[in-house]
Amino acid sequence: MKAKTRVADDIIKGLNEVIEYQHGKRKLRRRHVKIAPLPEYEAREIKSIREKLNLSQNIFALTLGVSIKTIEAWEAGLSKPIGPARRMLELIEQDKTFMEKYHIIEC
């Protein structure tokens, strides 16, 4: 019963904040962020990243959470990584210790 009361209290609090905002008694907090564009990766770049980490295609696929067929297709230029994989490749490329630092792989 306490959880339901807490949820109801949060809803009422939120509605009261909306009313205060509409009457000019509350300002909205805004935060502006700039998001770096996703980099594009060519087949040779993906293979180079993997080789610099000294990982097989199979292990590289496991670390990225994709299939080995996906890695093969990327490295053959048959397909390209999408959103999250591109960001992950960027992080790995920027910091060669990224995978170990965040316990994705252990050597």
PDB file of N, CA and C in Angstrom:
ATOM      1  N   MET A   1       0.816  -1.200   0.000  1.00  0.00           N
ATOM      2  CA  MET A   1       0.000   0.000   0.000  1.00  0.00           C
ATOM      3  C   MET A   1       0.865   1.271   0.000  1.00  0.00           C
ATOM      4  N   LYS A   2       2.029   1.194   0.637  1.00  0.00           N
ATOM      5  CA  LYS A   2       2.910   2.360   0.697  1.00  0.00           C
ATOM      6  C   LYS A   2       3.374   2.776  -0.689  1.00  0.00           C
ATOM      7  N   ALA A   3       3.682   1.812  -1.561  1.00  0.00           N
ATOM      8  CA  ALA A   3       4.153   2.120  -2.908  1.00  0.00           C
ATOM      9  C   ALA A   3       3.082   2.869  -3.692  1.00  0.00           C
ATOM     10  N   LYS A   4       1.829   2.448  -3.558  1.00  0.00           N
ATOM     11  CA  LYS A   4       0.733   3.129  -4.254  1.00  0.00           C
ATOM     12  C   LYS A   4       0.590   4.555  -3.753  1.00  0.00           C
ATOM     13  N   THR A   5       0.726   4.752  -2.441  1.00  0.00           N
ATOM     14  CA  THR A   5       0.634   6.094  -1.861  1.00  0.00           C
ATOM     15  C   THR A   5       1.760   6.971  -2.381  1.00  0.00           C
ATOM     16  N   ARG A   6       2.971   6.402  -2.469  1.00  0.00           N
ATOM     17  CA  ARG A   6       4.127   7.148  -2.958  1.00  0.00           C
ATOM     18  C   ARG A   6       3.916   7.566  -4.415  1.00  0.00           C
ATOM     19  N   VAL A   7       3.386   6.675  -5.226  1.00  0.00           N
ATOM     20  CA  VAL A   7       3.132   6.988  -6.630  1.00  0.00           C
ATOM     21  C   VAL A   7       2.088   8.084  -6.733  1.00  0.00           C
ATOM     22  N   ALA A   8       1.030   7.966  -5.968  1.00  0.00           N
ATOM     23  CA  ALA A   8      -0.021   8.988  -5.989  1.00  0.00           C
ATOM     24  C   ALA A   8       0.531  10.342  -5.543  1.00  0.00           C
ATOM     25  N   ASP A   9       1.372  10.336  -4.514  1.00  0.00           N
ATOM     26  CA  ASP A   9       1.987  11.587  -4.038  1.00  0.00           C
ATOM     27  C   ASP A   9       2.862  12.212  -5.116  1.00  0.00           C
ATOM     28  N   ASP A  10       3.617  11.383  -5.840  1.00  0.00           N
ATOM     29  CA  ASP A  10       4.472  11.882  -6.916  1.00  0.00           C
ATOM     30  C   ASP A  10       3.642  12.485  -8.045  1.00  0.00           C
ATOM     31  N   ILE A  11       2.533  11.857  -8.366  1.00  0.00           N
ATOM     32  CA  ILE A  11       1.655  12.382  -9.422  1.00  0.00           C
ATOM     33  C   ILE A  11       1.062  13.720  -9.002  1.00  0.00           C
ATOM     34  N   ILE A  12       0.596  13.795  -7.784  1.00  0.00           N
ATOM     35  CA  ILE A  12       0.015  15.052  -7.277  1.00  0.00           C
ATOM     36  C   ILE A  12       1.076  16.151  -7.255  1.00  0.00           C
ATOM     37  N   LYS A  13       2.270  15.813  -6.801  1.00  0.00           N
ATOM     38  CA  LYS A  13       3.358  16.795  -6.778  1.00  0.00           C
ATOM     39  C   LYS A  13       3.642  17.305  -8.191  1.00  0.00           C
ATOM     40  N   GLY A  14       3.711  16.387  -9.159  1.00  0.00           N
ATOM     41  CA  GLY A  14       3.959  16.783 -10.544  1.00  0.00           C
ATOM     42  C   GLY A  14       2.868  17.688 -11.090  1.00  0.00           C
ATOM     43  N   LEU A  15       1.628  17.359 -10.802  1.00  0.00           N
ATOM     44  CA  LEU A  15       0.518  18.195 -11.275  1.00  0.00           C
ATOM     45  C   LEU A  15       0.562  19.581 -10.643  1.00  0.00           C
ATOM     46  N   ASN A  16       0.887  19.637  -9.373  1.00  0.00           N
ATOM     47  CA  ASN A  16       1.020  20.943  -8.706  1.00  0.00           C
ATOM     48  C   ASN A  16       2.150  21.768  -9.323  1.00  0.00           C
ATOM     49  N   GLU A  17       3.242  21.105  -9.724  1.00  0.00           N
ATOM     50  CA  GLU A  17       4.345  21.817 -10.375  1.00  0.00           C
ATOM     51  C   GLU A  17       3.911  22.364 -11.734  1.00  0.00           C
ATOM     52  N   VAL A  18       3.084  21.636 -12.452  1.00  0.00           N
ATOM     53  CA  VAL A  18       2.570  22.117 -13.734  1.00  0.00           C
ATOM     54  C   VAL A  18       1.717  23.353 -13.524  1.00  0.00           C
ATOM     55  N   ILE A  19       0.867  23.320 -12.517  1.00  0.00           N
ATOM     56  CA  ILE A  19      -0.001  24.477 -12.220  1.00  0.00           C
ATOM     57  C   ILE A  19       0.854  25.687 -11.847  1.00  0.00           C
ATOM     58  N   GLU A  20       1.879  25.473 -11.026  1.00  0.00           N
ATOM     59  CA  GLU A  20       2.776  26.571 -10.646  1.00  0.00           C
ATOM     60  C   GLU A  20       3.469  27.147 -11.880  1.00  0.00           C
ATOM     61  N   TYR A  21       3.897  26.276 -12.791  1.00  0.00           N
ATOM     62  CA  TYR A  21       4.548  26.737 -14.009  1.00  0.00           C
ATOM     63  C   TYR A  21       3.590  27.575 -14.849  1.00  0.00           C
ATOM     64  N   GLN A  22       2.358  27.110 -14.984  1.00  0.00           N
ATOM     65  CA  GLN A  22       1.371  27.833 -15.793  1.00  0.00           C
ATOM     66  C   GLN A  22       1.071  29.203 -15.218  1.00  0.00           C
ATOM     67  N   HIS A  23       1.185  29.355 -13.927  1.00  0.00           N
ATOM     68  CA  HIS A  23       0.928  30.645 -13.280  1.00  0.00           C
ATOM     69  C   HIS A  23       2.198  31.480 -13.120  1.00  0.00           C
ATOM     70  N   GLY A  24       3.294  31.013 -13.704  1.00  0.00           N
ATOM     71  CA  GLY A  24       4.544  31.773 -13.666  1.00  0.00           C
ATOM     72  C   GLY A  24       5.277  31.701 -12.342  1.00  0.00           C
ATOM     73  N   LYS A  25       4.900  30.782 -11.487  1.00  0.00           N
ATOM     74  CA  LYS A  25       5.541  30.659 -10.180  1.00  0.00           C
ATOM     75  C   LYS A  25       6.708  29.667 -10.180  1.00  0.00           C
ATOM     76  N   ARG A  26       6.908  28.995 -11.277  1.00  0.00           N
ATOM     77  CA  ARG A  26       7.976  28.000 -11.363  1.00  0.00           C
ATOM     78  C   ARG A  26       8.608  28.079 -12.749  1.00  0.00           C
ATOM     79  N   LYS A  27       9.907  27.956 -12.787  1.00  0.00           N
ATOM     80  CA  LYS A  27      10.613  27.926 -14.065  1.00  0.00           C
ATOM     81  C   LYS A  27      11.039  26.491 -14.357  1.00  0.00           C
ATOM     82  N   LEU A  28      11.040  26.173 -15.615  1.00  0.00           N
ATOM     83  CA  LEU A  28      11.514  24.863 -16.016  1.00  0.00           C
ATOM     84  C   LEU A  28      13.031  24.839 -16.012  1.00  0.00           C
ATOM     85  N   ARG A  29      13.562  23.720 -15.603  1.00  0.00           N
ATOM     86  CA  ARG A  29      15.014  23.546 -15.684  1.00  0.00           C
ATOM     87  C   ARG A  29      15.313  22.951 -17.046  1.00  0.00           C
ATOM     88  N   ARG A  30      16.218  23.579 -17.734  1.00  0.00           N
ATOM     89  CA  ARG A  30      16.616  23.103 -19.057  1.00  0.00           C
ATOM     90  C   ARG A  30      18.101  22.847 -19.074  1.00  0.00           C
ATOM     91  N   ARG A  31      18.437  21.892 -19.847  1.00  0.00           N
ATOM     92  CA  ARG A  31      19.849  21.575 -20.011  1.00  0.00           C
ATOM     93  C   ARG A  31      20.100  21.367 -21.486  1.00  0.00           C
ATOM     94  N   HIS A  32      21.027  22.120 -22.013  1.00  0.00           N
ATOM     95  CA  HIS A  32      21.368  21.996 -23.423  1.00  0.00           C
ATOM     96  C   HIS A  32      22.560  21.051 -23.547  1.00  0.00           C
ATOM     97  N   VAL A  33      22.433  20.117 -24.415  1.00  0.00           N
ATOM     98  CA  VAL A  33      23.531  19.183 -24.634  1.00  0.00           C
ATOM     99  C   VAL A  33      23.874  19.148 -26.110  1.00  0.00           C
ATOM    100  N   LYS A  34      25.109  18.882 -26.371  1.00  0.00           N
ATOM    101  CA  LYS A  34      25.565  18.716 -27.750  1.00  0.00           C
ATOM    102  C   LYS A  34      25.985  17.261 -27.885  1.00  0.00           C
ATOM    103  N   ILE A  35      25.411  16.585 -28.842  1.00  0.00           N
ATOM    104  CA  ILE A  35      25.696  15.169 -29.042  1.00  0.00           C
ATOM    105  C   ILE A  35      26.616  15.017 -30.244  1.00  0.00           C
ATOM    106  N   ALA A  36      27.724  14.341 -30.012  1.00  0.00           N
ATOM    107  CA  ALA A  36      28.682  14.110 -31.096  1.00  0.00           C
ATOM    108  C   ALA A  36      28.034  13.235 -32.161  1.00  0.00           C
ATOM    109  N   PRO A  37      28.242  13.556 -33.416  1.00  0.00           N
ATOM    110  CA  PRO A  37      27.663  12.724 -34.480  1.00  0.00           C
ATOM    111  C   PRO A  37      28.274  11.326 -34.457  1.00  0.00           C
ATOM    112  N   LEU A  38      27.481  10.368 -34.901  1.00  0.00           N
ATOM    113  CA  LEU A  38      27.980   8.995 -34.984  1.00  0.00           C
ATOM    114  C   LEU A  38      28.980   8.889 -36.129  1.00  0.00           C
ATOM    115  N   PRO A  39      30.132   8.325 -35.853  1.00  0.00           N
ATOM    116  CA  PRO A  39      31.108   8.170 -36.934  1.00  0.00           C
ATOM    117  C   PRO A  39      30.695   7.055 -37.885  1.00  0.00           C
ATOM    118  N   GLU A  40      31.155   7.158 -39.107  1.00  0.00           N
ATOM    119  CA  GLU A  40      30.964   6.105 -40.107  1.00  0.00           C
ATOM    120  C   GLU A  40      32.217   5.240 -40.091  1.00  0.00           C
ATOM    121  N   TYR A  41      32.057   3.948 -40.279  1.00  0.00           N
ATOM    122  CA  TYR A  41      33.199   3.048 -40.318  1.00  0.00           C
ATOM    123  C   TYR A  41      33.189   2.235 -41.594  1.00  0.00           C
ATOM    124  N   GLU A  42      34.325   2.224 -42.256  1.00  0.00           N
ATOM    125  CA  GLU A  42      34.518   1.406 -43.451  1.00  0.00           C
ATOM    126  C   GLU A  42      35.033   0.035 -43.010  1.00  0.00           C
ATOM    127  N   ALA A  43      34.931  -0.918 -43.915  1.00  0.00           N
ATOM    128  CA  ALA A  43      35.325  -2.300 -43.624  1.00  0.00           C
ATOM    129  C   ALA A  43      36.744  -2.382 -43.064  1.00  0.00           C
ATOM    130  N   ARG A  44      37.690  -1.711 -43.730  1.00  0.00           N
ATOM    131  CA  ARG A  44      39.090  -1.803 -43.306  1.00  0.00           C
ATOM    132  C   ARG A  44      39.309  -1.190 -41.927  1.00  0.00           C
ATOM    133  N   GLU A  45      38.523  -0.163 -41.585  1.00  0.00           N
ATOM    134  CA  GLU A  45      38.663   0.467 -40.269  1.00  0.00           C
ATOM    135  C   GLU A  45      38.179  -0.475 -39.159  1.00  0.00           C
ATOM    136  N   ILE A  46      37.093  -1.166 -39.419  1.00  0.00           N
ATOM    137  CA  ILE A  46      36.556  -2.102 -38.428  1.00  0.00           C
ATOM    138  C   ILE A  46      37.554  -3.241 -38.194  1.00  0.00           C
ATOM    139  N   LYS A  47      38.085  -3.762 -39.282  1.00  0.00           N
ATOM    140  CA  LYS A  47      39.073  -4.835 -39.170  1.00  0.00           C
ATOM    141  C   LYS A  47      40.308  -4.347 -38.421  1.00  0.00           C
ATOM    142  N   SER A  48      40.726  -3.123 -38.685  1.00  0.00           N
ATOM    143  CA  SER A  48      41.893  -2.550 -38.023  1.00  0.00           C
ATOM    144  C   SER A  48      41.661  -2.419 -36.515  1.00  0.00           C
ATOM    145  N   ILE A  49      40.484  -1.961 -36.127  1.00  0.00           N
ATOM    146  CA  ILE A  49      40.154  -1.831 -34.696  1.00  0.00           C
ATOM    147  C   ILE A  49      40.240  -3.209 -34.038  1.00  0.00           C
ATOM    148  N   ARG A  50      39.634  -4.205 -34.683  1.00  0.00           N
ATOM    149  CA  ARG A  50      39.642  -5.566 -34.132  1.00  0.00           C
ATOM    150  C   ARG A  50      41.066  -6.101 -34.017  1.00  0.00           C
ATOM    151  N   GLU A  51      41.851  -5.908 -35.056  1.00  0.00           N
ATOM    152  CA  GLU A  51      43.221  -6.429 -35.054  1.00  0.00           C
ATOM    153  C   GLU A  51      44.100  -5.734 -34.024  1.00  0.00           C
ATOM    154  N   LYS A  52      43.893  -4.431 -33.820  1.00  0.00           N
ATOM    155  CA  LYS A  52      44.670  -3.712 -32.800  1.00  0.00           C
ATOM    156  C   LYS A  52      44.366  -4.246 -31.407  1.00  0.00           C
ATOM    157  N   LEU A  53      43.155  -4.767 -31.224  1.00  0.00           N
ATOM    158  CA  LEU A  53      42.788  -5.373 -29.943  1.00  0.00           C
ATOM    159  C   LEU A  53      43.260  -6.820 -29.857  1.00  0.00           C
ATOM    160  N   ASN A  54      43.779  -7.330 -30.987  1.00  0.00           N
ATOM    161  CA  ASN A  54      44.261  -8.702 -31.069  1.00  0.00           C
ATOM    162  C   ASN A  54      43.145  -9.708 -30.746  1.00  0.00           C
ATOM    163  N   LEU A  55      41.954  -9.466 -31.331  1.00  0.00           N
ATOM    164  CA  LEU A  55      40.802 -10.335 -31.103  1.00  0.00           C
ATOM    165  C   LEU A  55      40.405 -11.034 -32.395  1.00  0.00           C
ATOM    166  N   SER A  56      39.956 -12.258 -32.266  1.00  0.00           N
ATOM    167  CA  SER A  56      39.403 -12.965 -33.421  1.00  0.00           C
ATOM    168  C   SER A  56      38.044 -12.352 -33.751  1.00  0.00           C
ATOM    169  N   GLN A  57      37.540 -12.657 -34.930  1.00  0.00           N
ATOM    170  CA  GLN A  57      36.212 -12.167 -35.290  1.00  0.00           C
ATOM    171  C   GLN A  57      35.169 -12.688 -34.310  1.00  0.00           C
ATOM    172  N   ASN A  58      35.315 -13.931 -33.895  1.00  0.00           N
ATOM    173  CA  ASN A  58      34.349 -14.524 -32.972  1.00  0.00           C
ATOM    174  C   ASN A  58      34.327 -13.800 -31.627  1.00  0.00           C
ATOM    175  N   ILE A  59      35.481 -13.560 -31.051  1.00  0.00           N
ATOM    176  CA  ILE A  59      35.556 -12.872 -29.753  1.00  0.00           C
ATOM    177  C   ILE A  59      35.099 -11.428 -29.895  1.00  0.00           C
ATOM    178  N   PHE A  60      35.482 -10.781 -30.972  1.00  0.00           N
ATOM    179  CA  PHE A  60      35.057  -9.399 -31.215  1.00  0.00           C
ATOM    180  C   PHE A  60      33.530  -9.331 -31.296  1.00  0.00           C
ATOM    181  N   ALA A  61      32.938 -10.287 -31.993  1.00  0.00           N
ATOM    182  CA  ALA A  61      31.478 -10.341 -32.101  1.00  0.00           C
ATOM    183  C   ALA A  61      30.840 -10.496 -30.722  1.00  0.00           C
ATOM    184  N   LEU A  62      31.384 -11.384 -29.911  1.00  0.00           N
ATOM    185  CA  LEU A  62      30.840 -11.586 -28.558  1.00  0.00           C
ATOM    186  C   LEU A  62      30.933 -10.319 -27.714  1.00  0.00           C
ATOM    187  N   THR A  63      32.042  -9.608 -27.836  1.00  0.00           N
ATOM    188  CA  THR A  63      32.216  -8.391 -27.029  1.00  0.00           C
ATOM    189  C   THR A  63      31.246  -7.287 -27.445  1.00  0.00           C
ATOM    190  N   LEU A  64      30.904  -7.249 -28.727  1.00  0.00           N
ATOM    191  CA  LEU A  64      29.983  -6.221 -29.219  1.00  0.00           C
ATOM    192  C   LEU A  64      28.525  -6.660 -29.144  1.00  0.00           C
ATOM    193  N   GLY A  65      28.305  -7.934 -28.847  1.00  0.00           N
ATOM    194  CA  GLY A  65      26.940  -8.432 -28.752  1.00  0.00           C
ATOM    195  C   GLY A  65      26.279  -8.641 -30.106  1.00  0.00           C
ATOM    196  N   VAL A  66      27.097  -8.978 -31.099  1.00  0.00           N
ATOM    197  CA  VAL A  66      26.573  -9.250 -32.445  1.00  0.00           C
ATOM    198  C   VAL A  66      27.059 -10.633 -32.873  1.00  0.00           C
ATOM    199  N   SER A  67      26.547 -11.117 -33.970  1.00  0.00           N
ATOM    200  CA  SER A  67      26.959 -12.428 -34.458  1.00  0.00           C
ATOM    201  C   SER A  67      28.279 -12.329 -35.224  1.00  0.00           C
ATOM    202  N   ILE A  68      28.960 -13.450 -35.337  1.00  0.00           N
ATOM    203  CA  ILE A  68      30.193 -13.486 -36.125  1.00  0.00           C
ATOM    204  C   ILE A  68      29.886 -13.156 -37.582  1.00  0.00           C
ATOM    205  N   LYS A  69      28.710 -13.549 -38.063  1.00  0.00           N
ATOM    206  CA  LYS A  69      28.303 -13.229 -39.437  1.00  0.00           C
ATOM    207  C   LYS A  69      28.239 -11.710 -39.630  1.00  0.00           C
ATOM    208  N   THR A  70      27.810 -11.010 -38.596  1.00  0.00           N
ATOM    209  CA  THR A  70      27.744  -9.546 -38.664  1.00  0.00           C
ATOM    210  C   THR A  70      29.145  -8.960 -38.806  1.00  0.00           C
ATOM    211  N   ILE A  71      30.075  -9.442 -37.999  1.00  0.00           N
ATOM    212  CA  ILE A  71      31.464  -8.957 -38.082  1.00  0.00           C
ATOM    213  C   ILE A  71      32.035  -9.265 -39.460  1.00  0.00           C
ATOM    214  N   GLU A  72      31.795 -10.477 -39.945  1.00  0.00           N
ATOM    215  CA  GLU A  72      32.285 -10.860 -41.273  1.00  0.00           C
ATOM    216  C   GLU A  72      31.724  -9.921 -42.344  1.00  0.00           C
ATOM    217  N   ALA A  73      30.433  -9.616 -42.252  1.00  0.00           N
ATOM    218  CA  ALA A  73      29.796  -8.732 -43.238  1.00  0.00           C
ATOM    219  C   ALA A  73      30.355  -7.318 -43.153  1.00  0.00           C
ATOM    220  N   TRP A  74      30.581  -6.825 -41.933  1.00  0.00           N
ATOM    221  CA  TRP A  74      31.160  -5.491 -41.780  1.00  0.00           C
ATOM    222  C   TRP A  74      32.549  -5.441 -42.411  1.00  0.00           C
ATOM    223  N   GLU A  75      33.370  -6.435 -42.082  1.00  0.00           N
ATOM    224  CA  GLU A  75      34.751  -6.428 -42.561  1.00  0.00           C
ATOM    225  C   GLU A  75      34.851  -6.704 -44.060  1.00  0.00           C
ATOM    226  N   ALA A  76      33.826  -7.309 -44.631  1.00  0.00           N
ATOM    227  CA  ALA A  76      33.813  -7.551 -46.075  1.00  0.00           C
ATOM    228  C   ALA A  76      33.165  -6.389 -46.824  1.00  0.00           C
ATOM    229  N   GLY A  77      32.647  -5.427 -46.087  1.00  0.00           N
ATOM    230  CA  GLY A  77      31.992  -4.282 -46.714  1.00  0.00           C
ATOM    231  C   GLY A  77      30.594  -4.590 -47.228  1.00  0.00           C
ATOM    232  N   LEU A  78      30.008  -5.699 -46.776  1.00  0.00           N
ATOM    233  CA  LEU A  78      28.665  -6.080 -47.225  1.00  0.00           C
ATOM    234  C   LEU A  78      27.571  -5.359 -46.442  1.00  0.00           C
ATOM    235  N   SER A  79      27.897  -4.960 -45.239  1.00  0.00           N
ATOM    236  CA  SER A  79      26.964  -4.171 -44.429  1.00  0.00           C
ATOM    237  C   SER A  79      27.789  -3.262 -43.532  1.00  0.00           C
ATOM    238  N   LYS A  80      27.110  -2.344 -42.876  1.00  0.00           N
ATOM    239  CA  LYS A  80      27.786  -1.386 -42.000  1.00  0.00           C
ATOM    240  C   LYS A  80      27.133  -1.419 -40.629  1.00  0.00           C
ATOM    241  N   PRO A  81      27.917  -1.138 -39.594  1.00  0.00           N
ATOM    242  CA  PRO A  81      27.336  -1.091 -38.250  1.00  0.00           C
ATOM    243  C   PRO A  81      26.325   0.049 -38.137  1.00  0.00           C
ATOM    244  N   ILE A  82      25.340  -0.154 -37.286  1.00  0.00           N
ATOM    245  CA  ILE A  82      24.339   0.879 -37.041  1.00  0.00           C
ATOM    246  C   ILE A  82      24.558   1.483 -35.655  1.00  0.00           C
ATOM    247  N   GLY A  83      23.762   2.477 -35.319  1.00  0.00           N
ATOM    248  CA  GLY A  83      23.835   3.284 -34.104  1.00  0.00           C
ATOM    249  C   GLY A  83      24.694   2.809 -32.950  1.00  0.00           C
ATOM    250  N   PRO A  84      24.173   1.919 -32.093  1.00  0.00           N
ATOM    251  CA  PRO A  84      24.935   1.546 -30.898  1.00  0.00           C
ATOM    252  C   PRO A  84      26.290   0.922 -31.220  1.00  0.00           C
ATOM    253  N   ALA A  85      26.360   0.119 -32.265  1.00  0.00           N
ATOM    254  CA  ALA A  85      27.629  -0.506 -32.634  1.00  0.00           C
ATOM    255  C   ALA A  85      28.628   0.551 -33.092  1.00  0.00           C
ATOM    256  N   ARG A  86      28.165   1.558 -33.813  1.00  0.00           N
ATOM    257  CA  ARG A  86      29.050   2.627 -34.259  1.00  0.00           C
ATOM    258  C   ARG A  86      29.602   3.397 -33.063  1.00  0.00           C
ATOM    259  N   ARG A  87      28.746   3.662 -32.082  1.00  0.00           N
ATOM    260  CA  ARG A  87      29.200   4.384 -30.891  1.00  0.00           C
ATOM    261  C   ARG A  87      30.203   3.526 -30.121  1.00  0.00           C
ATOM    262  N   MET A  88      29.932   2.239 -30.026  1.00  0.00           N
ATOM    263  CA  MET A  88      30.834   1.341 -29.316  1.00  0.00           C
ATOM    264  C   MET A  88      32.189   1.270 -30.019  1.00  0.00           C
ATOM    265  N   LEU A  89      32.175   1.174 -31.340  1.00  0.00           N
ATOM    266  CA  LEU A  89      33.433   1.172 -32.091  1.00  0.00           C
ATOM    267  C   LEU A  89      34.209   2.457 -31.852  1.00  0.00           C
ATOM    268  N   GLU A  90      33.493   3.566 -31.778  1.00  0.00           N
ATOM    269  CA  GLU A  90      34.138   4.855 -31.515  1.00  0.00           C
ATOM    270  C   GLU A  90      34.820   4.846 -30.146  1.00  0.00           C
ATOM    271  N   LEU A  91      34.128   4.349 -29.142  1.00  0.00           N
ATOM    272  CA  LEU A  91      34.692   4.305 -27.794  1.00  0.00           C
ATOM    273  C   LEU A  91      35.915   3.399 -27.733  1.00  0.00           C
ATOM    274  N   ILE A  92      35.824   2.261 -28.400  1.00  0.00           N
ATOM    275  CA  ILE A  92      36.960   1.329 -28.435  1.00  0.00           C
ATOM    276  C   ILE A  92      38.139   1.955 -29.165  1.00  0.00           C
ATOM    277  N   GLU A  93      37.848   2.637 -30.267  1.00  0.00           N
ATOM    278  CA  GLU A  93      38.913   3.274 -31.051  1.00  0.00           C
ATOM    279  C   GLU A  93      39.599   4.385 -30.251  1.00  0.00           C
ATOM    280  N   GLN A  94      38.832   5.131 -29.483  1.00  0.00           N
ATOM    281  CA  GLN A  94      39.390   6.237 -28.701  1.00  0.00           C
ATOM    282  C   GLN A  94      40.193   5.760 -27.494  1.00  0.00           C
ATOM    283  N   ASP A  95      39.792   4.607 -26.948  1.00  0.00           N
ATOM    284  CA  ASP A  95      40.460   4.098 -25.752  1.00  0.00           C
ATOM    285  C   ASP A  95      40.657   2.596 -25.901  1.00  0.00           C
ATOM    286  N   LYS A  96      41.866   2.204 -26.237  1.00  0.00           N
ATOM    287  CA  LYS A  96      42.165   0.780 -26.476  1.00  0.00           C
ATOM    288  C   LYS A  96      41.939  -0.077 -25.230  1.00  0.00           C
ATOM    289  N   THR A  97      41.911   0.549 -24.049  1.00  0.00           N
ATOM    290  CA  THR A  97      41.688  -0.206 -22.813  1.00  0.00           C
ATOM    291  C   THR A  97      40.209  -0.249 -22.420  1.00  0.00           C
ATOM    292  N   PHE A  98      39.348   0.329 -23.235  1.00  0.00           N
ATOM    293  CA  PHE A  98      37.917   0.438 -22.925  1.00  0.00           C
ATOM    294  C   PHE A  98      37.301  -0.904 -22.528  1.00  0.00           C
ATOM    295  N   MET A  99      37.555  -1.941 -23.325  1.00  0.00           N
ATOM    296  CA  MET A  99      36.946  -3.251 -23.081  1.00  0.00           C
ATOM    297  C   MET A  99      37.400  -3.846 -21.748  1.00  0.00           C
ATOM    298  N   GLU A 100      38.669  -3.686 -21.430  1.00  0.00           N
ATOM    299  CA  GLU A 100      39.172  -4.193 -20.156  1.00  0.00           C
ATOM    300  C   GLU A 100      38.737  -3.314 -18.993  1.00  0.00           C
ATOM    301  N   LYS A 101      38.785  -2.003 -19.222  1.00  0.00           N
ATOM    302  CA  LYS A 101      38.429  -1.052 -18.177  1.00  0.00           C
ATOM    303  C   LYS A 101      37.004  -1.274 -17.663  1.00  0.00           C
ATOM    304  N   TYR A 102      36.106  -1.613 -18.592  1.00  0.00           N
ATOM    305  CA  TYR A 102      34.700  -1.814 -18.218  1.00  0.00           C
ATOM    306  C   TYR A 102      34.331  -3.292 -18.121  1.00  0.00           C
ATOM    307  N   HIS A 103      35.365  -4.136 -17.979  1.00  0.00           N
ATOM    308  CA  HIS A 103      35.196  -5.573 -17.722  1.00  0.00           C
ATOM    309  C   HIS A 103      34.350  -6.282 -18.780  1.00  0.00           C
ATOM    310  N   ILE A 104      34.481  -5.823 -20.022  1.00  0.00           N
ATOM    311  CA  ILE A 104      33.818  -6.500 -21.129  1.00  0.00           C
ATOM    312  C   ILE A 104      34.653  -7.718 -21.514  1.00  0.00           C
ATOM    313  N   ILE A 105      35.970  -7.553 -21.447  1.00  0.00           N
ATOM    314  CA  ILE A 105      36.888  -8.681 -21.621  1.00  0.00           C
ATOM    315  C   ILE A 105      37.905  -8.627 -20.501  1.00  0.00           C
ATOM    316  N   GLU A 106      38.457  -9.779 -20.186  1.00  0.00           N
ATOM    317  CA  GLU A 106      39.537  -9.853 -19.197  1.00  0.00           C
ATOM    318  C   GLU A 106      40.679 -10.624 -19.821  1.00  0.00           C
ATOM    319  N   CYS A 107      41.862 -10.073 -19.703  1.00  0.00           N
ATOM    320  CA  CYS A 107      43.044 -10.740 -20.262  1.00  0.00           C
ATOM    321  C   CYS A 107      43.919 -11.289 -19.169  1.00  0.00           C
TER     322      CYS A 107
END
